[in-house]
């Protein structure tokens, strides 16, 4: 499902071709167990932490560069 394009027609085709003999009860049970082990709030906090560690440095560099360029461009009278 995650490998399909994010368009309604692709999602519809993917969902309409789901096998009927999937072990739904086991999938629901596993999903519930994973939800208990990894609550969405904890996953969101971890994702934010990872994002900041990986991209925060670059955001800071770009922000400083943009600020310097804007200051030098607009503050020279």
N, C-alpha and C. Protein backbone atom coordinates (compact mmCIF):
# COMPACT_ATOMS: atom_id res chain seq x y z
N UNK A 1 0.82 -1.19 0.00
CA UNK A 1 0.00 0.00 0.00
C UNK A 1 0.87 1.26 0.00
N UNK A 2 1.93 1.25 0.80
CA UNK A 2 2.77 2.44 0.89
C UNK A 2 3.58 2.68 -0.38
N UNK A 3 3.73 1.66 -1.21
CA UNK A 3 4.53 1.82 -2.43
C UNK A 3 3.69 2.35 -3.59
N UNK A 4 2.38 2.51 -3.42
CA UNK A 4 1.55 3.03 -4.50
C UNK A 4 1.62 4.55 -4.53
N UNK A 5 1.24 5.09 -5.69
CA UNK A 5 1.21 6.55 -5.80
C UNK A 5 0.07 7.09 -4.95
N UNK A 6 0.23 8.32 -4.52
CA UNK A 6 -0.76 8.92 -3.62
C UNK A 6 -1.85 9.63 -4.44
N UNK A 7 -2.52 8.88 -5.28
CA UNK A 7 -3.65 9.39 -6.05
C UNK A 7 -4.82 8.45 -5.83
N UNK A 8 -6.01 8.99 -5.83
CA UNK A 8 -7.20 8.22 -5.48
C UNK A 8 -7.36 6.98 -6.36
N UNK A 9 -7.13 7.10 -7.65
CA UNK A 9 -7.34 5.95 -8.53
C UNK A 9 -6.36 4.82 -8.20
N UNK A 10 -5.11 5.14 -7.88
CA UNK A 10 -4.13 4.11 -7.53
C UNK A 10 -4.48 3.46 -6.19
N UNK A 11 -4.92 4.27 -5.24
CA UNK A 11 -5.30 3.74 -3.93
C UNK A 11 -6.52 2.83 -4.09
N UNK A 12 -7.48 3.23 -4.90
CA UNK A 12 -8.67 2.41 -5.13
C UNK A 12 -8.30 1.06 -5.74
N UNK A 13 -7.44 1.06 -6.74
CA UNK A 13 -7.02 -0.19 -7.37
C UNK A 13 -6.32 -1.08 -6.36
N UNK A 14 -5.45 -0.51 -5.56
CA UNK A 14 -4.72 -1.29 -4.56
C UNK A 14 -5.68 -1.90 -3.54
N UNK A 15 -6.62 -1.10 -3.05
CA UNK A 15 -7.56 -1.60 -2.04
C UNK A 15 -8.56 -2.59 -2.61
N UNK A 16 -8.90 -2.44 -3.88
CA UNK A 16 -9.87 -3.35 -4.47
C UNK A 16 -9.26 -4.69 -4.85
N UNK A 17 -7.94 -4.80 -4.79
CA UNK A 17 -7.28 -6.07 -5.12
C UNK A 17 -6.68 -6.74 -3.89
N UNK A 18 -7.12 -6.35 -2.69
CA UNK A 18 -6.64 -6.97 -1.46
C UNK A 18 -7.17 -8.40 -1.42
N UNK A 19 -6.31 -9.36 -1.17
CA UNK A 19 -6.77 -10.76 -1.12
C UNK A 19 -7.82 -10.97 -0.03
N UNK A 20 -8.78 -11.82 -0.31
CA UNK A 20 -9.84 -12.07 0.65
C UNK A 20 -9.41 -12.98 1.78
N UNK A 21 -8.34 -13.72 1.58
CA UNK A 21 -7.92 -14.70 2.59
C UNK A 21 -6.83 -14.19 3.53
N UNK A 22 -6.73 -12.88 3.67
CA UNK A 22 -5.76 -12.34 4.62
C UNK A 22 -6.18 -12.69 6.05
N UNK A 23 -5.21 -12.90 6.93
CA UNK A 23 -5.55 -13.20 8.33
C UNK A 23 -5.91 -11.92 9.09
N UNK A 24 -7.10 -11.39 8.83
CA UNK A 24 -7.51 -10.10 9.37
C UNK A 24 -7.45 -10.04 10.89
N UNK A 25 -7.91 -11.09 11.56
CA UNK A 25 -7.90 -11.08 13.02
C UNK A 25 -6.48 -10.95 13.56
N UNK A 26 -5.54 -11.66 12.96
CA UNK A 26 -4.14 -11.59 13.40
C UNK A 26 -3.55 -10.22 13.08
N UNK A 27 -3.88 -9.67 11.92
CA UNK A 27 -3.38 -8.34 11.56
C UNK A 27 -3.90 -7.27 12.53
N UNK A 28 -5.17 -7.37 12.90
CA UNK A 28 -5.75 -6.41 13.84
C UNK A 28 -5.09 -6.57 15.21
N UNK A 29 -4.89 -7.80 15.62
CA UNK A 29 -4.25 -8.06 16.91
C UNK A 29 -2.82 -7.52 16.93
N UNK A 30 -2.08 -7.78 15.86
CA UNK A 30 -0.70 -7.27 15.76
C UNK A 30 -0.67 -5.75 15.75
N UNK A 31 -1.59 -5.15 15.02
CA UNK A 31 -1.65 -3.68 14.95
C UNK A 31 -1.94 -3.09 16.33
N UNK A 32 -2.84 -3.73 17.06
CA UNK A 32 -3.18 -3.24 18.40
C UNK A 32 -1.96 -3.36 19.32
N UNK A 33 -1.26 -4.48 19.23
CA UNK A 33 -0.07 -4.67 20.07
C UNK A 33 1.01 -3.64 19.74
N UNK A 34 1.22 -3.37 18.45
CA UNK A 34 2.21 -2.36 18.06
C UNK A 34 1.78 -0.97 18.52
N UNK A 35 0.48 -0.70 18.47
CA UNK A 35 -0.04 0.60 18.93
C UNK A 35 0.24 0.78 20.41
N UNK A 36 0.10 -0.31 21.19
CA UNK A 36 0.38 -0.24 22.62
C UNK A 36 1.88 -0.09 22.89
N UNK A 37 2.70 -0.80 22.13
CA UNK A 37 4.15 -0.74 22.34
C UNK A 37 4.75 0.59 21.88
N UNK A 38 4.21 1.13 20.80
CA UNK A 38 4.74 2.36 20.20
C UNK A 38 3.60 3.35 19.97
N UNK A 39 3.18 4.04 21.03
CA UNK A 39 2.08 5.01 20.88
C UNK A 39 2.47 6.11 19.88
N UNK A 40 1.49 6.59 19.12
CA UNK A 40 1.77 7.62 18.11
C UNK A 40 2.48 8.85 18.68
N UNK A 41 2.15 9.25 19.90
CA UNK A 41 2.79 10.43 20.47
C UNK A 41 4.29 10.21 20.65
N UNK A 42 4.67 9.00 21.07
CA UNK A 42 6.10 8.71 21.22
C UNK A 42 6.79 8.65 19.87
N UNK A 43 6.13 8.08 18.88
CA UNK A 43 6.71 8.02 17.55
C UNK A 43 6.89 9.43 16.98
N UNK A 44 5.92 10.30 17.23
CA UNK A 44 6.02 11.67 16.74
C UNK A 44 7.19 12.40 17.41
N UNK A 45 7.36 12.20 18.71
CA UNK A 45 8.48 12.83 19.42
C UNK A 45 9.81 12.32 18.88
N UNK A 46 9.89 11.01 18.65
CA UNK A 46 11.13 10.43 18.12
C UNK A 46 11.41 10.92 16.71
N UNK A 47 10.36 11.03 15.89
CA UNK A 47 10.53 11.52 14.52
C UNK A 47 11.00 12.97 14.52
N UNK A 48 10.44 13.78 15.40
CA UNK A 48 10.85 15.18 15.49
C UNK A 48 12.31 15.29 15.93
N UNK A 49 12.70 14.46 16.90
CA UNK A 49 14.08 14.45 17.38
C UNK A 49 15.02 14.06 16.25
N UNK A 50 14.69 13.01 15.51
CA UNK A 50 15.52 12.56 14.38
C UNK A 50 15.61 13.64 13.32
N UNK A 51 14.48 14.27 13.00
CA UNK A 51 14.47 15.32 11.99
C UNK A 51 15.37 16.47 12.39
N UNK A 52 15.26 16.90 13.64
CA UNK A 52 16.09 18.01 14.11
C UNK A 52 17.57 17.64 14.07
N UNK A 53 17.90 16.42 14.44
CA UNK A 53 19.30 15.99 14.42
C UNK A 53 19.85 15.91 13.01
N UNK A 54 19.03 15.51 12.06
CA UNK A 54 19.52 15.35 10.69
C UNK A 54 19.47 16.65 9.89
N UNK A 55 18.39 17.43 10.06
CA UNK A 55 18.18 18.57 9.18
C UNK A 55 18.24 19.92 9.88
N UNK A 56 18.24 19.93 11.20
CA UNK A 56 18.27 21.19 11.92
C UNK A 56 19.52 22.01 11.62
N UNK A 57 20.65 21.33 11.51
CA UNK A 57 21.92 21.99 11.21
C UNK A 57 21.84 22.71 9.88
N UNK A 58 21.30 22.05 8.86
CA UNK A 58 21.20 22.66 7.53
C UNK A 58 20.20 23.80 7.52
N UNK A 59 19.09 23.65 8.27
CA UNK A 59 18.11 24.71 8.35
C UNK A 59 18.74 25.96 8.98
N UNK A 60 19.56 25.75 10.02
CA UNK A 60 20.22 26.87 10.67
C UNK A 60 21.19 27.56 9.72
N UNK A 61 21.95 26.80 8.96
CA UNK A 61 22.92 27.37 8.01
C UNK A 61 22.19 28.17 6.94
N UNK A 62 21.13 27.60 6.37
CA UNK A 62 20.38 28.29 5.32
C UNK A 62 19.72 29.54 5.90
N UNK A 63 19.18 29.44 7.11
CA UNK A 63 18.55 30.59 7.73
C UNK A 63 19.53 31.72 7.95
N UNK A 64 20.72 31.42 8.43
CA UNK A 64 21.75 32.44 8.64
C UNK A 64 22.17 33.04 7.31
N UNK A 65 22.37 32.21 6.30
CA UNK A 65 22.77 32.71 4.99
C UNK A 65 21.70 33.62 4.40
N UNK A 66 20.43 33.22 4.52
CA UNK A 66 19.35 34.06 4.00
C UNK A 66 19.27 35.38 4.75
N UNK A 67 19.42 35.34 6.05
CA UNK A 67 19.36 36.56 6.86
C UNK A 67 20.49 37.50 6.47
N UNK A 68 21.70 36.98 6.29
CA UNK A 68 22.84 37.83 5.90
C UNK A 68 22.61 38.43 4.53
N UNK A 69 22.10 37.63 3.59
CA UNK A 69 21.85 38.15 2.24
C UNK A 69 20.78 39.22 2.25
N UNK A 70 19.71 39.00 2.99
CA UNK A 70 18.65 40.00 3.06
C UNK A 70 19.12 41.26 3.74
N UNK A 71 19.89 41.12 4.82
CA UNK A 71 20.41 42.30 5.52
C UNK A 71 21.32 43.11 4.61
N UNK A 72 22.21 42.45 3.89
CA UNK A 72 23.15 43.17 3.05
C UNK A 72 22.46 43.78 1.85
N UNK A 73 21.38 43.15 1.36
CA UNK A 73 20.69 43.62 0.18
C UNK A 73 19.78 44.82 0.49
N UNK A 74 19.11 44.80 1.64
CA UNK A 74 18.12 45.81 1.93
C UNK A 74 18.57 46.87 2.92
N UNK A 75 19.69 46.69 3.57
CA UNK A 75 20.12 47.64 4.59
C UNK A 75 21.27 48.53 4.12
N UNK A 76 21.64 48.47 2.89
CA UNK A 76 22.70 49.33 2.37
C UNK A 76 22.06 50.55 1.74
N UNK A 77 22.10 51.66 2.46
CA UNK A 77 21.49 52.89 1.96
C UNK A 77 22.50 53.75 1.31
